[in-house]
Amino acid sequence: MQAYRAYYEDGRIVTLGNPAIPEGSELIVTVLEESIAKSRAERQREAFKRFMMAMENTPPLPPEFDEVIKERVNITREIDL
Protein backbone atom coordinates (compact mmCIF):
# COMPACT_ATOMS: atom_id res chain seq x y z
CA MET A 1 0.00 0.00 0.00
CA GLN A 2 1.33 3.45 -0.94
CA ALA A 3 0.09 6.82 0.43
CA TYR A 4 0.02 10.11 -1.52
CA ARG A 5 -0.83 13.62 -0.37
CA ALA A 6 -3.62 15.35 -2.27
CA TYR A 7 -6.41 17.88 -1.94
CA TYR A 8 -9.98 18.12 -3.21
CA GLU A 9 -10.85 20.93 -5.62
CA ASP A 10 -13.74 21.54 -8.02
CA GLY A 11 -15.11 18.02 -7.63
CA ARG A 12 -11.83 16.17 -8.18
CA ILE A 13 -8.83 14.93 -6.22
CA VAL A 14 -5.58 16.72 -7.08
CA THR A 15 -2.39 14.94 -6.02
CA LEU A 16 0.59 16.93 -4.76
CA GLY A 17 3.61 16.38 -6.94
CA ASN A 18 3.25 14.00 -9.83
CA PRO A 19 3.09 10.46 -8.42
CA ALA A 20 3.06 7.56 -10.86
CA ILE A 21 -0.21 5.84 -9.99
CA PRO A 22 -0.92 2.93 -12.34
CA GLU A 23 -4.17 3.10 -14.36
CA GLY A 24 -6.97 1.12 -12.80
CA SER A 25 -5.47 1.20 -9.32
CA GLU A 26 -7.92 0.67 -6.48
CA LEU A 27 -7.75 3.61 -4.05
CA ILE A 28 -8.74 4.26 -0.47
CA VAL A 29 -9.42 7.95 0.12
CA THR A 30 -9.05 9.33 3.65
CA VAL A 31 -10.26 12.88 4.25
CA LEU A 32 -8.15 14.68 6.85
CA GLU A 33 -9.57 17.31 9.17
CA GLU A 34 -7.07 19.95 8.10
CA SER A 35 -7.47 21.77 4.81
CA ILE A 36 -4.23 22.28 2.89
CA ALA A 37 -5.94 23.70 -0.19
CA LYS A 38 -6.09 27.43 -0.64
CA SER A 39 -9.38 29.14 -1.34
CA ARG A 40 -10.13 30.43 -4.81
CA ALA A 41 -9.74 34.00 -3.54
CA GLU A 42 -6.27 33.18 -2.14
CA ARG A 43 -5.17 31.59 -5.43
CA GLN A 44 -6.48 34.60 -7.39
CA ARG A 45 -4.71 37.01 -5.03
CA GLU A 46 -1.41 35.16 -5.47
CA ALA A 47 -1.84 35.06 -9.26
CA PHE A 48 -2.52 38.81 -9.31
CA LYS A 49 0.60 39.47 -7.21
CA ARG A 50 2.70 37.38 -9.63
CA PHE A 51 1.19 39.31 -12.56
CA MET A 52 1.96 42.68 -10.95
CA MET A 53 5.56 41.61 -10.21
CA ALA A 54 5.96 40.51 -13.84
CA MET A 55 4.57 43.84 -15.08
CA GLU A 56 6.95 45.79 -12.83
CA ASN A 57 9.93 43.79 -14.13
CA THR A 58 8.98 44.04 -17.82
CA PRO A 59 10.79 46.73 -19.83
CA PRO A 60 8.66 49.28 -21.70
CA LEU A 61 7.68 48.57 -25.29
CA PRO A 62 9.88 50.13 -27.98
CA PRO A 63 8.67 53.37 -29.63
CA GLU A 64 8.09 51.47 -32.89
CA PHE A 65 5.22 49.65 -31.23
CA ASP A 66 3.29 52.91 -30.74
CA GLU A 67 3.86 53.83 -34.38
CA VAL A 68 2.46 50.51 -35.58
CA ILE A 69 -0.59 50.77 -33.33
CA LYS A 70 -1.17 54.42 -34.32
CA GLU A 71 -1.47 53.36 -37.96
CA ARG A 72 -4.09 50.77 -36.95
CA VAL A 73 -2.14 47.97 -38.54
CA ASN A 74 -3.53 44.50 -37.98
CA ILE A 75 -0.42 42.78 -36.66
CA THR A 76 -1.76 39.27 -37.27
CA ARG A 77 -2.02 40.00 -40.99
CA GLU A 78 1.36 41.68 -41.22
CA ILE A 79 3.37 38.79 -39.77
CA ASP A 80 4.79 36.43 -42.37
CA LEU A 81 5.04 33.01 -40.77
PDB file of N, CA and C in Angstrom:
ATOM      1  N   MET A   1       0.852  -1.176   0.000  1.00  0.00           N
ATOM      2  CA  MET A   1       0.000   0.000   0.000  1.00  0.00           C
ATOM      3  C   MET A   1       0.898   1.241   0.000  1.00  0.00           C
ATOM      4  N   GLN A   2       0.568   2.217  -0.821  1.00  0.00           N
ATOM      5  CA  GLN A   2       1.334   3.454  -0.942  1.00  0.00           C
ATOM      6  C   GLN A   2       0.409   4.627  -0.637  1.00  0.00           C
ATOM      7  N   ALA A   3       0.895   5.634   0.089  1.00  0.00           N
ATOM      8  CA  ALA A   3       0.093   6.817   0.431  1.00  0.00           C
ATOM      9  C   ALA A   3       0.604   8.025  -0.340  1.00  0.00           C
ATOM     10  N   TYR A   4      -0.307   8.880  -0.788  1.00  0.00           N
ATOM     11  CA  TYR A   4       0.016  10.109  -1.515  1.00  0.00           C
ATOM     12  C   TYR A   4      -0.747  11.265  -0.889  1.00  0.00           C
ATOM     13  N   ARG A   5      -0.141  12.433  -0.862  1.00  0.00           N
ATOM     14  CA  ARG A   5      -0.834  13.624  -0.367  1.00  0.00           C
ATOM     15  C   ARG A   5      -1.586  14.243  -1.539  1.00  0.00           C
ATOM     16  N   ALA A   6      -2.782  14.754  -1.245  1.00  0.00           N
ATOM     17  CA  ALA A   6      -3.617  15.353  -2.274  1.00  0.00           C
ATOM     18  C   ALA A   6      -4.602  16.303  -1.616  1.00  0.00           C
ATOM     19  N   TYR A   7      -5.330  17.042  -2.440  1.00  0.00           N
ATOM     20  CA  TYR A   7      -6.414  17.876  -1.937  1.00  0.00           C
ATOM     21  C   TYR A   7      -7.584  17.792  -2.910  1.00  0.00           C
ATOM     22  N   TYR A   8      -8.744  18.198  -2.435  1.00  0.00           N
ATOM     23  CA  TYR A   8      -9.981  18.117  -3.208  1.00  0.00           C
ATOM     24  C   TYR A   8     -10.326  19.499  -3.723  1.00  0.00           C
ATOM     25  N   GLU A   9     -10.556  19.621  -5.035  1.00  0.00           N
ATOM     26  CA  GLU A   9     -10.850  20.929  -5.621  1.00  0.00           C
ATOM     27  C   GLU A   9     -11.759  20.755  -6.830  1.00  0.00           C
ATOM     28  N   ASP A  10     -12.804  21.544  -6.884  1.00  0.00           N
ATOM     29  CA  ASP A  10     -13.739  21.543  -8.017  1.00  0.00           C
ATOM     30  C   ASP A  10     -14.222  20.139  -8.394  1.00  0.00           C
ATOM     31  N   GLY A  11     -14.540  19.325  -7.377  1.00  0.00           N
ATOM     32  CA  GLY A  11     -15.109  18.020  -7.632  1.00  0.00           C
ATOM     33  C   GLY A  11     -14.110  16.940  -8.009  1.00  0.00           C
ATOM     34  N   ARG A  12     -12.809  17.201  -7.856  1.00  0.00           N
ATOM     35  CA  ARG A  12     -11.827  16.171  -8.183  1.00  0.00           C
ATOM     36  C   ARG A  12     -10.689  16.169  -7.180  1.00  0.00           C
ATOM     37  N   ILE A  13      -9.976  15.068  -7.119  1.00  0.00           N
ATOM     38  CA  ILE A  13      -8.833  14.932  -6.223  1.00  0.00           C
ATOM     39  C   ILE A  13      -7.576  15.310  -6.995  1.00  0.00           C
ATOM     40  N   VAL A  14      -6.800  16.238  -6.445  1.00  0.00           N
ATOM     41  CA  VAL A  14      -5.578  16.717  -7.078  1.00  0.00           C
ATOM     42  C   VAL A  14      -4.402  16.271  -6.218  1.00  0.00           C
ATOM     43  N   THR A  15      -3.538  15.423  -6.779  1.00  0.00           N
ATOM     44  CA  THR A  15      -2.388  14.937  -6.019  1.00  0.00           C
ATOM     45  C   THR A  15      -1.298  16.003  -5.975  1.00  0.00           C
ATOM     46  N   LEU A  16      -0.554  16.024  -4.878  1.00  0.00           N
ATOM     47  CA  LEU A  16       0.588  16.929  -4.759  1.00  0.00           C
ATOM     48  C   LEU A  16       1.786  16.248  -5.409  1.00  0.00           C
ATOM     49  N   GLY A  17       2.525  16.989  -6.183  1.00  0.00           N
ATOM     50  CA  GLY A  17       3.607  16.378  -6.942  1.00  0.00           C
ATOM     51  C   GLY A  17       3.024  15.680  -8.146  1.00  0.00           C
ATOM     52  N   ASN A  18       3.737  14.732  -8.665  1.00  0.00           N
ATOM     53  CA  ASN A  18       3.255  13.996  -9.830  1.00  0.00           C
ATOM     54  C   ASN A  18       3.521  12.504  -9.623  1.00  0.00           C
ATOM     55  N   PRO A  19       2.816  11.875  -8.689  1.00  0.00           N
ATOM     56  CA  PRO A  19       3.088  10.460  -8.422  1.00  0.00           C
ATOM     57  C   PRO A  19       2.652   9.581  -9.588  1.00  0.00           C
ATOM     58  N   ALA A  20       3.399   8.519  -9.799  1.00  0.00           N
ATOM     59  CA  ALA A  20       3.064   7.564 -10.864  1.00  0.00           C
ATOM     60  C   ALA A  20       2.101   6.529 -10.300  1.00  0.00           C
ATOM     61  N   ILE A  21       0.818   6.759 -10.461  1.00  0.00           N
ATOM     62  CA  ILE A  21      -0.208   5.835  -9.989  1.00  0.00           C
ATOM     63  C   ILE A  21      -0.685   5.041 -11.207  1.00  0.00           C
ATOM     64  N   PRO A  22      -0.524   3.736 -11.179  1.00  0.00           N
ATOM     65  CA  PRO A  22      -0.922   2.929 -12.339  1.00  0.00           C
ATOM     66  C   PRO A  22      -2.418   3.046 -12.639  1.00  0.00           C
ATOM     67  N   GLU A  23      -2.770   3.062 -13.929  1.00  0.00           N
ATOM     68  CA  GLU A  23      -4.170   3.095 -14.364  1.00  0.00           C
ATOM     69  C   GLU A  23      -4.920   1.922 -13.752  1.00  0.00           C
ATOM     70  N   GLY A  24      -6.124   2.171 -13.339  1.00  0.00           N
ATOM     71  CA  GLY A  24      -6.972   1.122 -12.804  1.00  0.00           C
ATOM     72  C   GLY A  24      -6.673   0.744 -11.364  1.00  0.00           C
ATOM     73  N   SER A  25      -5.804   1.503 -10.710  1.00  0.00           N
ATOM     74  CA  SER A  25      -5.475   1.200  -9.317  1.00  0.00           C
ATOM     75  C   SER A  25      -6.689   1.400  -8.426  1.00  0.00           C
ATOM     76  N   GLU A  26      -6.857   0.518  -7.465  1.00  0.00           N
ATOM     77  CA  GLU A  26      -7.916   0.667  -6.476  1.00  0.00           C
ATOM     78  C   GLU A  26      -7.394   1.604  -5.393  1.00  0.00           C
ATOM     79  N   LEU A  27      -8.187   2.603  -5.007  1.00  0.00           N
ATOM     80  CA  LEU A  27      -7.748   3.607  -4.054  1.00  0.00           C
ATOM     81  C   LEU A  27      -8.617   3.610  -2.805  1.00  0.00           C
ATOM     82  N   ILE A  28      -8.018   3.987  -1.704  1.00  0.00           N
ATOM     83  CA  ILE A  28      -8.738   4.257  -0.470  1.00  0.00           C
ATOM     84  C   ILE A  28      -8.490   5.733  -0.165  1.00  0.00           C
ATOM     85  N   VAL A  29      -9.550   6.515  -0.098  1.00  0.00           N
ATOM     86  CA  VAL A  29      -9.419   7.951   0.124  1.00  0.00           C
ATOM     87  C   VAL A  29      -9.758   8.250   1.575  1.00  0.00           C
ATOM     88  N   THR A  30      -8.838   8.918   2.269  1.00  0.00           N
ATOM     89  CA  THR A  30      -9.050   9.332   3.652  1.00  0.00           C
ATOM     90  C   THR A  30      -9.076  10.849   3.686  1.00  0.00           C
ATOM     91  N   VAL A  31     -10.143  11.426   4.168  1.00  0.00           N
ATOM     92  CA  VAL A  31     -10.261  12.881   4.246  1.00  0.00           C
ATOM     93  C   VAL A  31      -9.761  13.326   5.612  1.00  0.00           C
ATOM     94  N   LEU A  32      -8.722  14.165   5.614  1.00  0.00           N
ATOM     95  CA  LEU A  32      -8.153  14.681   6.852  1.00  0.00           C
ATOM     96  C   LEU A  32      -8.948  15.878   7.337  1.00  0.00           C
ATOM     97  N   GLU A  33      -8.859  16.167   8.603  1.00  0.00           N
ATOM     98  CA  GLU A  33      -9.572  17.310   9.166  1.00  0.00           C
ATOM     99  C   GLU A  33      -9.001  18.638   8.672  1.00  0.00           C
ATOM    100  N   GLU A  34      -7.685  18.701   8.512  1.00  0.00           N
ATOM    101  CA  GLU A  34      -7.066  19.955   8.097  1.00  0.00           C
ATOM    102  C   GLU A  34      -7.267  20.180   6.610  1.00  0.00           C
ATOM    103  N   SER A  35      -7.323  21.414   6.219  1.00  0.00           N
ATOM    104  CA  SER A  35      -7.472  21.773   4.813  1.00  0.00           C
ATOM    105  C   SER A  35      -6.169  22.401   4.336  1.00  0.00           C
ATOM    106  N   ILE A  36      -5.486  21.733   3.401  1.00  0.00           N
ATOM    107  CA  ILE A  36      -4.231  22.280   2.887  1.00  0.00           C
ATOM    108  C   ILE A  36      -4.462  23.105   1.621  1.00  0.00           C
ATOM    109  N   ALA A  37      -5.644  22.971   1.038  1.00  0.00           N
ATOM    110  CA  ALA A  37      -5.936  23.699  -0.192  1.00  0.00           C
ATOM    111  C   ALA A  37      -6.244  25.158   0.120  1.00  0.00           C
ATOM    112  N   LYS A  38      -5.815  26.006  -0.775  1.00  0.00           N
ATOM    113  CA  LYS A  38      -6.091  27.434  -0.636  1.00  0.00           C
ATOM    114  C   LYS A  38      -7.450  27.735  -1.268  1.00  0.00           C
ATOM    115  N   SER A  39      -8.089  28.758  -0.765  1.00  0.00           N
ATOM    116  CA  SER A  39      -9.379  29.138  -1.336  1.00  0.00           C
ATOM    117  C   SER A  39      -9.158  29.751  -2.717  1.00  0.00           C
ATOM    118  N   ARG A  40     -10.222  29.828  -3.476  1.00  0.00           N
ATOM    119  CA  ARG A  40     -10.128  30.427  -4.809  1.00  0.00           C
ATOM    120  C   ARG A  40      -9.652  31.870  -4.709  1.00  0.00           C
ATOM    121  N   ALA A  41     -10.146  32.606  -3.723  1.00  0.00           N
ATOM    122  CA  ALA A  41      -9.737  34.002  -3.544  1.00  0.00           C
ATOM    123  C   ALA A  41      -8.237  34.095  -3.251  1.00  0.00           C
ATOM    124  N   GLU A  42      -7.708  33.179  -2.438  1.00  0.00           N
ATOM    125  CA  GLU A  42      -6.271  33.184  -2.138  1.00  0.00           C
ATOM    126  C   GLU A  42      -5.448  32.885  -3.386  1.00  0.00           C
ATOM    127  N   ARG A  43      -5.895  31.912  -4.190  1.00  0.00           N
ATOM    128  CA  ARG A  43      -5.171  31.591  -5.428  1.00  0.00           C
ATOM    129  C   ARG A  43      -5.213  32.763  -6.401  1.00  0.00           C
ATOM    130  N   GLN A  44      -6.364  33.448  -6.498  1.00  0.00           N
ATOM    131  CA  GLN A  44      -6.477  34.597  -7.387  1.00  0.00           C
ATOM    132  C   GLN A  44      -5.596  35.746  -6.904  1.00  0.00           C
ATOM    133  N   ARG A  45      -5.548  35.955  -5.595  1.00  0.00           N
ATOM    134  CA  ARG A  45      -4.710  37.013  -5.025  1.00  0.00           C
ATOM    135  C   ARG A  45      -3.241  36.751  -5.345  1.00  0.00           C
ATOM    136  N   GLU A  46      -2.799  35.515  -5.172  1.00  0.00           N
ATOM    137  CA  GLU A  46      -1.414  35.161  -5.471  1.00  0.00           C
ATOM    138  C   GLU A  46      -1.107  35.317  -6.955  1.00  0.00           C
ATOM    139  N   ALA A  47      -2.039  34.917  -7.826  1.00  0.00           N
ATOM    140  CA  ALA A  47      -1.844  35.063  -9.263  1.00  0.00           C
ATOM    141  C   ALA A  47      -1.744  36.540  -9.639  1.00  0.00           C
ATOM    142  N   PHE A  48      -2.566  37.375  -9.023  1.00  0.00           N
ATOM    143  CA  PHE A  48      -2.522  38.813  -9.306  1.00  0.00           C
ATOM    144  C   PHE A  48      -1.191  39.413  -8.850  1.00  0.00           C
ATOM    145  N   LYS A  49      -0.704  38.982  -7.690  1.00  0.00           N
ATOM    146  CA  LYS A  49       0.597  39.469  -7.208  1.00  0.00           C
ATOM    147  C   LYS A  49       1.718  39.069  -8.164  1.00  0.00           C
ATOM    148  N   ARG A  50       1.680  37.814  -8.666  1.00  0.00           N
ATOM    149  CA  ARG A  50       2.696  37.382  -9.631  1.00  0.00           C
ATOM    150  C   ARG A  50       2.607  38.205 -10.913  1.00  0.00           C
ATOM    151  N   PHE A  51       1.380  38.498 -11.359  1.00  0.00           N
ATOM    152  CA  PHE A  51       1.186  39.313 -12.556  1.00  0.00           C
ATOM    153  C   PHE A  51       1.754  40.715 -12.362  1.00  0.00           C
ATOM    154  N   MET A  52       1.460  41.324 -11.214  1.00  0.00           N
ATOM    155  CA  MET A  52       1.957  42.682 -10.951  1.00  0.00           C
ATOM    156  C   MET A  52       3.485  42.700 -10.878  1.00  0.00           C
ATOM    157  N   MET A  53       4.094  41.687 -10.266  1.00  0.00           N
ATOM    158  CA  MET A  53       5.560  41.612 -10.212  1.00  0.00           C
ATOM    159  C   MET A  53       6.136  41.499 -11.625  1.00  0.00           C
ATOM    160  N   ALA A  54       5.494  40.674 -12.464  1.00  0.00           N
ATOM    161  CA  ALA A  54       5.964  40.510 -13.840  1.00  0.00           C
ATOM    162  C   ALA A  54       5.839  41.825 -14.606  1.00  0.00           C
ATOM    163  N   MET A  55       4.758  42.552 -14.390  1.00  0.00           N
ATOM    164  CA  MET A  55       4.575  43.837 -15.076  1.00  0.00           C
ATOM    165  C   MET A  55       5.625  44.851 -14.630  1.00  0.00           C
ATOM    166  N   GLU A  56       5.954  44.851 -13.340  1.00  0.00           N
ATOM    167  CA  GLU A  56       6.951  45.787 -12.829  1.00  0.00           C
ATOM    168  C   GLU A  56       8.345  45.466 -13.367  1.00  0.00           C
ATOM    169  N   ASN A  57       8.612  44.201 -13.668  1.00  0.00           N
ATOM    170  CA  ASN A  57       9.928  43.786 -14.133  1.00  0.00           C
ATOM    171  C   ASN A  57      10.025  43.679 -15.653  1.00  0.00           C
ATOM    172  N   THR A  58       8.981  44.096 -16.363  1.00  0.00           N
ATOM    173  CA  THR A  58       8.980  44.045 -17.819  1.00  0.00           C
ATOM    174  C   THR A  58       9.396  45.410 -18.362  1.00  0.00           C
ATOM    175  N   PRO A  59      10.371  45.443 -19.274  1.00  0.00           N
ATOM    176  CA  PRO A  59      10.785  46.735 -19.833  1.00  0.00           C
ATOM    177  C   PRO A  59       9.674  47.336 -20.689  1.00  0.00           C
ATOM    178  N   PRO A  60       9.693  48.655 -20.870  1.00  0.00           N
ATOM    179  CA  PRO A  60       8.659  49.281 -21.704  1.00  0.00           C
ATOM    180  C   PRO A  60       8.780  48.836 -23.164  1.00  0.00           C
ATOM    181  N   LEU A  61       7.679  48.930 -23.870  1.00  0.00           N
ATOM    182  CA  LEU A  61       7.676  48.573 -25.291  1.00  0.00           C
ATOM    183  C   LEU A  61       8.488  49.600 -26.074  1.00  0.00           C
ATOM    184  N   PRO A  62       9.102  49.177 -27.177  1.00  0.00           N
ATOM    185  CA  PRO A  62       9.885  50.133 -27.980  1.00  0.00           C
ATOM    186  C   PRO A  62       8.971  51.154 -28.646  1.00  0.00           C
ATOM    187  N   PRO A  63       9.499  52.331 -28.994  1.00  0.00           N
ATOM    188  CA  PRO A  63       8.672  53.374 -29.634  1.00  0.00           C
ATOM    189  C   PRO A  63       8.024  52.903 -30.937  1.00  0.00           C
ATOM    190  N   GLU A  64       8.656  51.972 -31.637  1.00  0.00           N
ATOM    191  CA  GLU A  64       8.088  51.474 -32.895  1.00  0.00           C
ATOM    192  C   GLU A  64       6.720  50.848 -32.684  1.00  0.00           C
ATOM    193  N   PHE A  65       6.500  50.278 -31.521  1.00  0.00           N
ATOM    194  CA  PHE A  65       5.216  49.647 -31.228  1.00  0.00           C
ATOM    195  C   PHE A  65       4.089  50.674 -31.289  1.00  0.00           C
ATOM    196  N   ASP A  66       4.312  51.858 -30.703  1.00  0.00           N
ATOM    197  CA  ASP A  66       3.291  52.915 -30.737  1.00  0.00           C
ATOM    198  C   ASP A  66       3.018  53.365 -32.159  1.00  0.00           C
ATOM    199  N   GLU A  67       4.047  53.427 -32.985  1.00  0.00           N
ATOM    200  CA  GLU A  67       3.861  53.834 -34.384  1.00  0.00           C
ATOM    201  C   GLU A  67       2.996  52.824 -35.143  1.00  0.00           C
ATOM    202  N   VAL A  68       3.241  51.552 -34.909  1.00  0.00           N
ATOM    203  CA  VAL A  68       2.464  50.508 -35.583  1.00  0.00           C
ATOM    204  C   VAL A  68       1.012  50.577 -35.143  1.00  0.00           C
ATOM    205  N   ILE A  69       0.769  50.714 -33.846  1.00  0.00           N
ATOM    206  CA  ILE A  69      -0.595  50.774 -33.331  1.00  0.00           C
ATOM    207  C   ILE A  69      -1.303  52.039 -33.815  1.00  0.00           C
ATOM    208  N   LYS A  70      -0.577  53.152 -33.880  1.00  0.00           N
ATOM    209  CA  LYS A  70      -1.169  54.416 -34.318  1.00  0.00           C
ATOM    210  C   LYS A  70      -1.694  54.312 -35.751  1.00  0.00           C
ATOM    211  N   GLU A  71      -1.039  53.519 -36.567  1.00  0.00           N
ATOM    212  CA  GLU A  71      -1.466  53.358 -37.963  1.00  0.00           C
ATOM    213  C   GLU A  71      -2.564  52.309 -38.111  1.00  0.00           C
ATOM    214  N   ARG A  72      -3.020  51.766 -36.976  1.00  0.00           N
ATOM    215  CA  ARG A  72      -4.086  50.767 -36.954  1.00  0.00           C
ATOM    216  C   ARG A  72      -3.780  49.557 -37.824  1.00  0.00           C
ATOM    217  N   VAL A  73      -2.555  49.126 -37.768  1.00  0.00           N
ATOM    218  CA  VAL A  73      -2.139  47.967 -38.537  1.00  0.00           C
ATOM    219  C   VAL A  73      -2.589  46.710 -37.801  1.00  0.00           C
ATOM    220  N   ASN A  74      -3.142  45.779 -38.554  1.00  0.00           N
ATOM    221  CA  ASN A  74      -3.527  44.503 -37.980  1.00  0.00           C
ATOM    222  C   ASN A  74      -2.285  43.627 -37.958  1.00  0.00           C
ATOM    223  N   ILE A  75      -1.692  43.482 -36.787  1.00  0.00           N
ATOM    224  CA  ILE A  75      -0.420  42.784 -36.661  1.00  0.00           C
ATOM    225  C   ILE A  75      -0.529  41.340 -37.121  1.00  0.00           C
ATOM    226  N   THR A  76      -1.638  40.683 -36.889  1.00  0.00           N
ATOM    227  CA  THR A  76      -1.758  39.273 -37.271  1.00  0.00           C
ATOM    228  C   THR A  76      -1.684  39.104 -38.781  1.00  0.00           C
ATOM    229  N   ARG A  77      -2.082  40.095 -39.531  1.00  0.00           N
ATOM    230  CA  ARG A  77      -2.021  39.995 -40.986  1.00  0.00           C
ATOM    231  C   ARG A  77      -0.667  40.427 -41.534  1.00  0.00           C
ATOM    232  N   GLU A  78       0.081  41.162 -40.766  1.00  0.00           N
ATOM    233  CA  GLU A  78       1.361  41.679 -41.224  1.00  0.00           C
ATOM    234  C   GLU A  78       2.513  40.712 -40.972  1.00  0.00           C
ATOM    235  N   ILE A  79       2.303  39.728 -40.102  1.00  0.00           N
ATOM    236  CA  ILE A  79       3.366  38.790 -39.773  1.00  0.00           C
ATOM    237  C   ILE A  79       3.418  37.699 -40.831  1.00  0.00           C
ATOM    238  N   ASP A  80       4.602  37.489 -41.382  1.00  0.00           N
ATOM    239  CA  ASP A  80       4.792  36.427 -42.372  1.00  0.00           C
ATOM    240  C   ASP A  80       5.386  35.228 -41.669  1.00  0.00           C
ATOM    241  N   LEU A  81       4.561  34.217 -41.447  1.00  0.00           N
ATOM    242  CA  LEU A  81       5.040  33.015 -40.766  1.00  0.00           C
ATOM    243  C   LEU A  81       5.517  32.084 -41.808  1.00  0.00           C
TER     244      LEU A  81
END
